[in-house]
Amino acid sequence: MAITFEEEKKRMNWPMIISVIFILTLIATSIIYLFFISPEKTEVLVSPKLQNISEVSKVALNFDQLTSSEAFKNLKEIVVFNIPSSENIGKANPFLP
């Protein structure tokens, strides 16, 4: 009486293979559309507000004239800094109650 050993056949994990192929296809198509499709094929819609902004960006400012104007010279800086003295900052040992 001879004893024979049969190896169990490994089954292919088809759902995993199909999902990997799907993900790789999705990545490849997104790369193609992002980097290789020319922008002439896409239609650009610009809102009226954005058109007004582009007109404002074309305005040239003369900073010398701005800083020498009377209105600019009449501006006052109103900023109050409350800098605490070094005696009132923290405790000597912050871990003590």
PDB file of N, CA and C in Angstrom:
ATOM      1  N   MET A   1       0.843  -1.164   0.000  1.00  0.00           N
ATOM      2  CA  MET A   1       0.000   0.000   0.000  1.00  0.00           C
ATOM      3  C   MET A   1       0.899   1.242   0.000  1.00  0.00           C
ATOM      4  N   ALA A   2       0.788   2.018  -1.055  1.00  0.00           N
ATOM      5  CA  ALA A   2       1.631   3.200  -1.228  1.00  0.00           C
ATOM      6  C   ALA A   2       0.876   4.434  -0.757  1.00  0.00           C
ATOM      7  N   ILE A   3       1.612   5.322  -0.105  1.00  0.00           N
ATOM      8  CA  ILE A   3       1.018   6.570   0.373  1.00  0.00           C
ATOM      9  C   ILE A   3       1.422   7.670  -0.606  1.00  0.00           C
ATOM     10  N   THR A   4       0.447   8.358  -1.135  1.00  0.00           N
ATOM     11  CA  THR A   4       0.735   9.450  -2.064  1.00  0.00           C
ATOM     12  C   THR A   4       0.246  10.759  -1.468  1.00  0.00           C
ATOM     13  N   PHE A   5       1.011  11.805  -1.718  1.00  0.00           N
ATOM     14  CA  PHE A   5       0.653  13.140  -1.240  1.00  0.00           C
ATOM     15  C   PHE A   5       0.303  14.001  -2.453  1.00  0.00           C
ATOM     16  N   GLU A   6      -0.831  14.596  -2.388  1.00  0.00           N
ATOM     17  CA  GLU A   6      -1.222  15.511  -3.449  1.00  0.00           C
ATOM     18  C   GLU A   6      -1.206  16.935  -2.904  1.00  0.00           C
ATOM     19  N   GLU A   7      -0.575  17.816  -3.669  1.00  0.00           N
ATOM     20  CA  GLU A   7      -0.573  19.215  -3.260  1.00  0.00           C
ATOM     21  C   GLU A   7      -1.891  19.848  -3.668  1.00  0.00           C
ATOM     22  N   GLU A   8      -2.366  20.655  -2.771  1.00  0.00           N
ATOM     23  CA  GLU A   8      -3.614  21.348  -3.047  1.00  0.00           C
ATOM     24  C   GLU A   8      -3.340  22.473  -4.037  1.00  0.00           C
ATOM     25  N   LYS A   9      -4.157  22.578  -5.081  1.00  0.00           N
ATOM     26  CA  LYS A   9      -3.956  23.626  -6.083  1.00  0.00           C
ATOM     27  C   LYS A   9      -4.327  24.976  -5.487  1.00  0.00           C
ATOM     28  N   LYS A  10      -3.456  25.933  -5.738  1.00  0.00           N
ATOM     29  CA  LYS A  10      -3.739  27.272  -5.243  1.00  0.00           C
ATOM     30  C   LYS A  10      -4.753  27.927  -6.173  1.00  0.00           C
ATOM     31  N   ARG A  11      -5.760  28.484  -5.574  1.00  0.00           N
ATOM     32  CA  ARG A  11      -6.801  29.140  -6.358  1.00  0.00           C
ATOM     33  C   ARG A  11      -6.406  30.596  -6.578  1.00  0.00           C
ATOM     34  N   MET A  12      -6.744  31.099  -7.728  1.00  0.00           N
ATOM     35  CA  MET A  12      -6.472  32.501  -8.055  1.00  0.00           C
ATOM     36  C   MET A  12      -7.478  33.375  -7.330  1.00  0.00           C
ATOM     37  N   ASN A  13      -6.999  34.469  -6.792  1.00  0.00           N
ATOM     38  CA  ASN A  13      -7.867  35.415  -6.110  1.00  0.00           C
ATOM     39  C   ASN A  13      -8.372  36.419  -7.162  1.00  0.00           C
ATOM     40  N   TRP A  14      -9.405  36.026  -7.906  1.00  0.00           N
ATOM     41  CA  TRP A  14      -9.905  36.825  -9.013  1.00  0.00           C
ATOM     42  C   TRP A  14     -10.451  38.182  -8.588  1.00  0.00           C
ATOM     43  N   PRO A  15     -11.176  38.306  -7.497  1.00  0.00           N
ATOM     44  CA  PRO A  15     -11.649  39.651  -7.123  1.00  0.00           C
ATOM     45  C   PRO A  15     -10.497  40.621  -6.852  1.00  0.00           C
ATOM     46  N   MET A  16      -9.436  40.147  -6.274  1.00  0.00           N
ATOM     47  CA  MET A  16      -8.282  41.001  -5.999  1.00  0.00           C
ATOM     48  C   MET A  16      -7.592  41.409  -7.297  1.00  0.00           C
ATOM     49  N   ILE A  17      -7.423  40.480  -8.220  1.00  0.00           N
ATOM     50  CA  ILE A  17      -6.781  40.775  -9.498  1.00  0.00           C
ATOM     51  C   ILE A  17      -7.609  41.779 -10.290  1.00  0.00           C
ATOM     52  N   ILE A  18      -8.915  41.596 -10.321  1.00  0.00           N
ATOM     53  CA  ILE A  18      -9.799  42.503 -11.048  1.00  0.00           C
ATOM     54  C   ILE A  18      -9.783  43.895 -10.420  1.00  0.00           C
ATOM     55  N   SER A  19      -9.776  43.975  -9.094  1.00  0.00           N
ATOM     56  CA  SER A  19      -9.760  45.288  -8.442  1.00  0.00           C
ATOM     57  C   SER A  19      -8.435  45.997  -8.678  1.00  0.00           C
ATOM     58  N   VAL A  20      -7.310  45.305  -8.697  1.00  0.00           N
ATOM     59  CA  VAL A  20      -6.017  45.921  -8.976  1.00  0.00           C
ATOM     60  C   VAL A  20      -5.974  46.432 -10.409  1.00  0.00           C
ATOM     61  N   ILE A  21      -6.481  45.653 -11.348  1.00  0.00           N
ATOM     62  CA  ILE A  21      -6.528  46.093 -12.743  1.00  0.00           C
ATOM     63  C   ILE A  21      -7.416  47.321 -12.876  1.00  0.00           C
ATOM     64  N   PHE A  22      -8.540  47.345 -12.184  1.00  0.00           N
ATOM     65  CA  PHE A  22      -9.452  48.486 -12.240  1.00  0.00           C
ATOM     66  C   PHE A  22      -8.786  49.746 -11.683  1.00  0.00           C
ATOM     67  N   ILE A  23      -8.103  49.619 -10.555  1.00  0.00           N
ATOM     68  CA  ILE A  23      -7.436  50.774  -9.939  1.00  0.00           C
ATOM     69  C   ILE A  23      -6.320  51.287 -10.839  1.00  0.00           C
ATOM     70  N   LEU A  24      -5.529  50.394 -11.432  1.00  0.00           N
ATOM     71  CA  LEU A  24      -4.455  50.818 -12.329  1.00  0.00           C
ATOM     72  C   LEU A  24      -5.018  51.507 -13.572  1.00  0.00           C
ATOM     73  N   THR A  25      -6.135  51.005 -14.095  1.00  0.00           N
ATOM     74  CA  THR A  25      -6.779  51.642 -15.244  1.00  0.00           C
ATOM     75  C   THR A  25      -7.291  53.018 -14.878  1.00  0.00           C
ATOM     76  N   LEU A  26      -7.877  53.163 -13.704  1.00  0.00           N
ATOM     77  CA  LEU A  26      -8.377  54.448 -13.240  1.00  0.00           C
ATOM     78  C   LEU A  26      -7.237  55.457 -13.087  1.00  0.00           C
ATOM     79  N   ILE A  27      -6.130  55.041 -12.518  1.00  0.00           N
ATOM     80  CA  ILE A  27      -4.971  55.917 -12.352  1.00  0.00           C
ATOM     81  C   ILE A  27      -4.403  56.321 -13.712  1.00  0.00           C
ATOM     82  N   ALA A  28      -4.299  55.378 -14.636  1.00  0.00           N
ATOM     83  CA  ALA A  28      -3.752  55.678 -15.959  1.00  0.00           C
ATOM     84  C   ALA A  28      -4.633  56.657 -16.718  1.00  0.00           C
ATOM     85  N   THR A  29      -5.946  56.473 -16.673  1.00  0.00           N
ATOM     86  CA  THR A  29      -6.832  57.396 -17.393  1.00  0.00           C
ATOM     87  C   THR A  29      -6.819  58.779 -16.759  1.00  0.00           C
ATOM     88  N   SER A  30      -6.730  58.852 -15.446  1.00  0.00           N
ATOM     89  CA  SER A  30      -6.678  60.173 -14.813  1.00  0.00           C
ATOM     90  C   SER A  30      -5.377  60.893 -15.157  1.00  0.00           C
ATOM     91  N   ILE A  31      -4.264  60.177 -15.228  1.00  0.00           N
ATOM     92  CA  ILE A  31      -2.993  60.790 -15.623  1.00  0.00           C
ATOM     93  C   ILE A  31      -3.065  61.289 -17.055  1.00  0.00           C
ATOM     94  N   ILE A  32      -3.676  60.499 -17.935  1.00  0.00           N
ATOM     95  CA  ILE A  32      -3.799  60.913 -19.334  1.00  0.00           C
ATOM     96  C   ILE A  32      -4.643  62.177 -19.438  1.00  0.00           C
ATOM     97  N   TYR A  33      -5.774  62.223 -18.754  1.00  0.00           N
ATOM     98  CA  TYR A  33      -6.640  63.396 -18.837  1.00  0.00           C
ATOM     99  C   TYR A  33      -6.032  64.621 -18.162  1.00  0.00           C
ATOM    100  N   LEU A  34      -5.275  64.432 -17.107  1.00  0.00           N
ATOM    101  CA  LEU A  34      -4.687  65.577 -16.419  1.00  0.00           C
ATOM    102  C   LEU A  34      -3.506  66.171 -17.160  1.00  0.00           C
ATOM    103  N   PHE A  35      -2.660  65.324 -17.759  1.00  0.00           N
ATOM    104  CA  PHE A  35      -1.408  65.817 -18.299  1.00  0.00           C
ATOM    105  C   PHE A  35      -1.314  65.831 -19.818  1.00  0.00           C
ATOM    106  N   PHE A  36      -2.098  65.031 -20.518  1.00  0.00           N
ATOM    107  CA  PHE A  36      -1.900  64.906 -21.951  1.00  0.00           C
ATOM    108  C   PHE A  36      -3.062  65.408 -22.802  1.00  0.00           C
ATOM    109  N   ILE A  37      -4.191  65.716 -22.215  1.00  0.00           N
ATOM    110  CA  ILE A  37      -5.291  66.277 -22.981  1.00  0.00           C
ATOM    111  C   ILE A  37      -5.080  67.786 -23.057  1.00  0.00           C
ATOM    112  N   SER A  38      -5.120  68.333 -24.260  1.00  0.00           N
ATOM    113  CA  SER A  38      -4.851  69.763 -24.417  1.00  0.00           C
ATOM    114  C   SER A  38      -6.020  70.583 -23.890  1.00  0.00           C
ATOM    115  N   PRO A  39      -5.742  71.745 -23.291  1.00  0.00           N
ATOM    116  CA  PRO A  39      -6.803  72.556 -22.706  1.00  0.00           C
ATOM    117  C   PRO A  39      -7.705  73.226 -23.735  1.00  0.00           C
ATOM    118  N   GLU A  40      -7.347  73.202 -25.033  1.00  0.00           N
ATOM    119  CA  GLU A  40      -8.214  73.811 -26.028  1.00  0.00           C
ATOM    120  C   GLU A  40      -9.547  73.076 -26.140  1.00  0.00           C
ATOM    121  N   LYS A  41      -9.571  71.833 -25.770  1.00  0.00           N
ATOM    122  CA  LYS A  41     -10.788  71.034 -25.886  1.00  0.00           C
ATOM    123  C   LYS A  41     -11.794  71.334 -24.785  1.00  0.00           C
ATOM    124  N   THR A  42     -11.353  71.949 -23.730  1.00  0.00           N
ATOM    125  CA  THR A  42     -12.260  72.267 -22.637  1.00  0.00           C
ATOM    126  C   THR A  42     -12.787  73.680 -22.802  1.00  0.00           C
ATOM    127  N   GLU A  43     -14.031  73.881 -22.432  1.00  0.00           N
ATOM    128  CA  GLU A  43     -14.645  75.185 -22.554  1.00  0.00           C
ATOM    129  C   GLU A  43     -14.482  75.939 -21.235  1.00  0.00           C
ATOM    130  N   VAL A  44     -14.041  77.171 -21.328  1.00  0.00           N
ATOM    131  CA  VAL A  44     -13.817  77.972 -20.134  1.00  0.00           C
ATOM    132  C   VAL A  44     -14.967  78.957 -19.992  1.00  0.00           C
ATOM    133  N   LEU A  45     -15.638  78.909 -18.859  1.00  0.00           N
ATOM    134  CA  LEU A  45     -16.721  79.832 -18.569  1.00  0.00           C
ATOM    135  C   LEU A  45     -16.250  80.788 -17.486  1.00  0.00           C
ATOM    136  N   VAL A  46     -16.381  82.080 -17.755  1.00  0.00           N
ATOM    137  CA  VAL A  46     -15.937  83.089 -16.807  1.00  0.00           C
ATOM    138  C   VAL A  46     -17.154  83.880 -16.356  1.00  0.00           C
ATOM    139  N   SER A  47     -17.311  83.981 -15.051  1.00  0.00           N
ATOM    140  CA  SER A  47     -18.439  84.739 -14.517  1.00  0.00           C
ATOM    141  C   SER A  47     -18.199  86.239 -14.715  1.00  0.00           C
ATOM    142  N   PRO A  48     -19.264  87.054 -14.723  1.00  0.00           N
ATOM    143  CA  PRO A  48     -19.080  88.511 -14.877  1.00  0.00           C
ATOM    144  C   PRO A  48     -18.255  89.124 -13.756  1.00  0.00           C
ATOM    145  N   LYS A  49     -18.350  88.582 -12.540  1.00  0.00           N
ATOM    146  CA  LYS A  49     -17.547  89.115 -11.434  1.00  0.00           C
ATOM    147  C   LYS A  49     -16.063  88.917 -11.705  1.00  0.00           C
ATOM    148  N   LEU A  50     -15.720  87.773 -12.257  1.00  0.00           N
ATOM    149  CA  LEU A  50     -14.319  87.484 -12.534  1.00  0.00           C
ATOM    150  C   LEU A  50     -13.800  88.365 -13.663  1.00  0.00           C
ATOM    151  N   GLN A  51     -14.645  88.722 -14.604  1.00  0.00           N
ATOM    152  CA  GLN A  51     -14.229  89.627 -15.669  1.00  0.00           C
ATOM    153  C   GLN A  51     -13.906  91.004 -15.096  1.00  0.00           C
ATOM    154  N   ASN A  52     -14.694  91.474 -14.119  1.00  0.00           N
ATOM    155  CA  ASN A  52     -14.413  92.769 -13.483  1.00  0.00           C
ATOM    156  C   ASN A  52     -13.097  92.726 -12.718  1.00  0.00           C
ATOM    157  N   ILE A  53     -12.802  91.606 -12.110  1.00  0.00           N
ATOM    158  CA  ILE A  53     -11.553  91.460 -11.365  1.00  0.00           C
ATOM    159  C   ILE A  53     -10.366  91.543 -12.311  1.00  0.00           C
ATOM    160  N   SER A  54     -10.492  90.971 -13.497  1.00  0.00           N
ATOM    161  CA  SER A  54      -9.381  91.043 -14.445  1.00  0.00           C
ATOM    162  C   SER A  54      -9.151  92.473 -14.905  1.00  0.00           C
ATOM    163  N   GLU A  55     -10.204  93.284 -14.985  1.00  0.00           N
ATOM    164  CA  GLU A  55     -10.028  94.694 -15.340  1.00  0.00           C
ATOM    165  C   GLU A  55      -9.310  95.449 -14.227  1.00  0.00           C
ATOM    166  N   VAL A  56      -9.621  95.121 -12.994  1.00  0.00           N
ATOM    167  CA  VAL A  56      -8.978  95.784 -11.858  1.00  0.00           C
ATOM    168  C   VAL A  56      -7.494  95.419 -11.801  1.00  0.00           C
ATOM    169  N   SER A  57      -7.162  94.207 -12.184  1.00  0.00           N
ATOM    170  CA  SER A  57      -5.759  93.797 -12.122  1.00  0.00           C
ATOM    171  C   SER A  57      -4.896  94.523 -13.145  1.00  0.00           C
ATOM    172  N   LYS A  58      -5.520  95.133 -14.150  1.00  0.00           N
ATOM    173  CA  LYS A  58      -4.763  95.860 -15.168  1.00  0.00           C
ATOM    174  C   LYS A  58      -4.430  97.292 -14.744  1.00  0.00           C
ATOM    175  N   VAL A  59      -4.980  97.742 -13.617  1.00  0.00           N
ATOM    176  CA  VAL A  59      -4.737  99.104 -13.147  1.00  0.00           C
ATOM    177  C   VAL A  59      -3.298  99.220 -12.663  1.00  0.00           C
ATOM    178  N   ALA A  60      -2.625 100.280 -13.116  1.00  0.00           N
ATOM    179  CA  ALA A  60      -1.240 100.514 -12.698  1.00  0.00           C
ATOM    180  C   ALA A  60      -1.239 101.536 -11.561  1.00  0.00           C
ATOM    181  N   LEU A  61      -0.515 101.218 -10.485  1.00  0.00           N
ATOM    182  CA  LEU A  61      -0.435 102.117  -9.337  1.00  0.00           C
ATOM    183  C   LEU A  61       0.917 102.813  -9.323  1.00  0.00           C
ATOM    184  N   ASN A  62       0.880 104.108  -9.043  1.00  0.00           N
ATOM    185  CA  ASN A  62       2.094 104.886  -8.886  1.00  0.00           C
ATOM    186  C   ASN A  62       2.282 105.118  -7.385  1.00  0.00           C
ATOM    187  N   PHE A  63       3.170 104.339  -6.773  1.00  0.00           N
ATOM    188  CA  PHE A  63       3.324 104.390  -5.320  1.00  0.00           C
ATOM    189  C   PHE A  63       3.955 105.695  -4.851  1.00  0.00           C
ATOM    190  N   ASP A  64       4.785 106.301  -5.676  1.00  0.00           N
ATOM    191  CA  ASP A  64       5.378 107.601  -5.290  1.00  0.00           C
ATOM    192  C   ASP A  64       4.296 108.668  -5.182  1.00  0.00           C
ATOM    193  N   GLN A  65       3.378 108.662  -6.130  1.00  0.00           N
ATOM    194  CA  GLN A  65       2.283 109.630  -6.095  1.00  0.00           C
ATOM    195  C   GLN A  65       1.342 109.332  -4.927  1.00  0.00           C
ATOM    196  N   LEU A  66       1.161 108.051  -4.646  1.00  0.00           N
ATOM    197  CA  LEU A  66       0.278 107.664  -3.546  1.00  0.00           C
ATOM    198  C   LEU A  66       0.845 108.101  -2.199  1.00  0.00           C
ATOM    199  N   THR A  67       2.116 107.853  -1.976  1.00  0.00           N
ATOM    200  CA  THR A  67       2.712 108.192  -0.681  1.00  0.00           C
ATOM    201  C   THR A  67       2.929 109.690  -0.508  1.00  0.00           C
ATOM    202  N   SER A  68       2.992 110.429  -1.578  1.00  0.00           N
ATOM    203  CA  SER A  68       3.180 111.874  -1.449  1.00  0.00           C
ATOM    204  C   SER A  68       1.850 112.637  -1.410  1.00  0.00           C
ATOM    205  N   SER A  69       0.737 111.931  -1.499  1.00  0.00           N
ATOM    206  CA  SER A  69      -0.560 112.617  -1.491  1.00  0.00           C
ATOM    207  C   SER A  69      -0.897 113.129  -0.085  1.00  0.00           C
ATOM    208  N   GLU A  70      -1.723 114.147  -0.034  1.00  0.00           N
ATOM    209  CA  GLU A  70      -2.105 114.776   1.244  1.00  0.00           C
ATOM    210  C   GLU A  70      -2.932 113.823   2.103  1.00  0.00           C
ATOM    211  N   ALA A  71      -3.792 113.032   1.478  1.00  0.00           N
ATOM    212  CA  ALA A  71      -4.625 112.090   2.232  1.00  0.00           C
ATOM    213  C   ALA A  71      -3.764 111.027   2.916  1.00  0.00           C
ATOM    214  N   PHE A  72      -2.727 110.568   2.245  1.00  0.00           N
ATOM    215  CA  PHE A  72      -1.839 109.573   2.839  1.00  0.00           C
ATOM    216  C   PHE A  72      -1.052 110.158   3.999  1.00  0.00           C
ATOM    217  N   LYS A  73      -0.651 111.406   3.859  1.00  0.00           N
ATOM    218  CA  LYS A  73       0.109 112.065   4.928  1.00  0.00           C
ATOM    219  C   LYS A  73      -0.757 112.339   6.155  1.00  0.00           C
ATOM    220  N   ASN A  74      -2.067 112.490   5.974  1.00  0.00           N
ATOM    221  CA  ASN A  74      -2.964 112.753   7.097  1.00  0.00           C
ATOM    222  C   ASN A  74      -3.356 111.488   7.868  1.00  0.00           C
ATOM    223  N   LEU A  75      -3.005 110.328   7.367  1.00  0.00           N
ATOM    224  CA  LEU A  75      -3.328 109.089   8.070  1.00  0.00           C
ATOM    225  C   LEU A  75      -2.497 108.978   9.341  1.00  0.00           C
ATOM    226  N   LYS A  76      -3.128 108.475  10.401  1.00  0.00           N
ATOM    227  CA  LYS A  76      -2.427 108.295  11.671  1.00  0.00           C
ATOM    228  C   LYS A  76      -2.456 106.821  12.042  1.00  0.00           C
ATOM    229  N   GLU A  77      -1.377 106.371  12.615  1.00  0.00           N
ATOM    230  CA  GLU A  77      -1.296 104.989  13.047  1.00  0.00           C
ATOM    231  C   GLU A  77      -1.797 104.896  14.488  1.00  0.00           C
ATOM    232  N   ILE A  78      -2.839 104.088  14.673  1.00  0.00           N
ATOM    233  CA  ILE A  78      -3.415 103.936  16.009  1.00  0.00           C
ATOM    234  C   ILE A  78      -3.259 102.474  16.424  1.00  0.00           C
ATOM    235  N   VAL A  79      -2.113 102.159  16.973  1.00  0.00           N
ATOM    236  CA  VAL A  79      -1.837 100.805  17.429  1.00  0.00           C
ATOM    237  C   VAL A  79      -1.281 100.915  18.836  1.00  0.00           C
ATOM    238  N   VAL A  80      -1.895 100.186  19.750  1.00  0.00           N
ATOM    239  CA  VAL A  80      -1.440 100.200  21.130  1.00  0.00           C
ATOM    240  C   VAL A  80      -0.910  98.815  21.463  1.00  0.00           C
ATOM    241  N   PHE A  81       0.361  98.751  21.828  1.00  0.00           N
ATOM    242  CA  PHE A  81       0.964  97.495  22.224  1.00  0.00           C
ATOM    243  C   PHE A  81       1.053  97.456  23.741  1.00  0.00           C
ATOM    244  N   ASN A  82       0.464  96.468  24.340  1.00  0.00           N
ATOM    245  CA  ASN A  82       0.565  96.272  25.780  1.00  0.00           C
ATOM    246  C   ASN A  82       1.650  95.235  26.041  1.00  0.00           C
ATOM    247  N   ILE A  83       2.852  95.701  26.254  1.00  0.00           N
ATOM    248  CA  ILE A  83       3.966  94.801  26.519  1.00  0.00           C
ATOM    249  C   ILE A  83       4.113  94.672  28.024  1.00  0.00           C
ATOM    250  N   PRO A  84       3.899  93.465  28.557  1.00  0.00           N
ATOM    251  CA  PRO A  84       4.015  93.307  30.006  1.00  0.00           C
ATOM    252  C   PRO A  84       5.475  93.394  30.439  1.00  0.00           C
ATOM    253  N   SER A  85       5.661  93.833  31.665  1.00  0.00           N
ATOM    254  CA  SER A  85       7.024  93.920  32.187  1.00  0.00           C
ATOM    255  C   SER A  85       7.523  92.513  32.494  1.00  0.00           C
ATOM    256  N   SER A  86       8.817  92.366  32.612  1.00  0.00           N
ATOM    257  CA  SER A  86       9.396  91.042  32.843  1.00  0.00           C
ATOM    258  C   SER A  86       9.034  90.506  34.222  1.00  0.00           C
ATOM    259  N   GLU A  87       8.588  91.354  35.146  1.00  0.00           N
ATOM    260  CA  GLU A  87       8.210  90.902  36.486  1.00  0.00           C
ATOM    261  C   GLU A  87       6.870  90.171  36.474  1.00  0.00           C
ATOM    262  N   ASN A  88       5.984  90.502  35.548  1.00  0.00           N
ATOM    263  CA  ASN A  88       4.641  89.932  35.535  1.00  0.00           C
ATOM    264  C   ASN A  88       4.496  88.715  34.616  1.00  0.00           C
ATOM    265  N   ILE A  89       5.565  88.286  34.004  1.00  0.00           N
ATOM    266  CA  ILE A  89       5.465  87.174  33.044  1.00  0.00           C
ATOM    267  C   ILE A  89       5.730  85.865  33.762  1.00  0.00           C
ATOM    268  N   GLY A  90       4.734  85.017  33.856  1.00  0.00           N
ATOM    269  CA  GLY A  90       4.877  83.644  34.346  1.00  0.00           C
ATOM    270  C   GLY A  90       5.361  83.506  35.766  1.00  0.00           C
ATOM    271  N   LYS A  91       5.629  82.260  36.139  1.00  0.00           N
ATOM    272  CA  LYS A  91       6.138  81.922  37.471  1.00  0.00           C
ATOM    273  C   LYS A  91       7.558  81.396  37.341  1.00  0.00           C
ATOM    274  N   ALA A  92       8.258  81.392  38.441  1.00  0.00           N
ATOM    275  CA  ALA A  92       9.615  80.857  38.430  1.00  0.00           C
ATOM    276  C   ALA A  92       9.579  79.361  38.136  1.00  0.00           C
ATOM    277  N   ASN A  93       8.642  78.638  38.732  1.00  0.00           N
ATOM    278  CA  ASN A  93       8.466  77.204  38.464  1.00  0.00           C
ATOM    279  C   ASN A  93       7.021  77.016  37.998  1.00  0.00           C
ATOM    280  N   PRO A  94       6.788  76.794  36.746  1.00  0.00           N
ATOM    281  CA  PRO A  94       5.414  76.693  36.238  1.00  0.00           C
ATOM    282  C   PRO A  94       4.680  75.424  36.659  1.00  0.00           C
ATOM    283  N   PHE A  95       5.394  74.453  37.236  1.00  0.00           N
ATOM    284  CA  PHE A  95       4.758  73.213  37.638  1.00  0.00           C
ATOM    285  C   PHE A  95       4.190  73.248  39.060  1.00  0.00           C
ATOM    286  N   LEU A  96       4.538  74.288  39.806  1.00  0.00           N
ATOM    287  CA  LEU A  96       3.979  74.427  41.135  1.00  0.00           C
ATOM    288  C   LEU A  96       2.596  75.062  41.026  1.00  0.00           C
ATOM    289  N   PRO A  97       1.655  74.648  41.905  1.00  0.00           N
ATOM    290  CA  PRO A  97       0.313  75.225  41.830  1.00  0.00           C
ATOM    291  C   PRO A  97       0.252  76.658  42.293  1.00  0.00           C
TER     292      PRO A  97
END
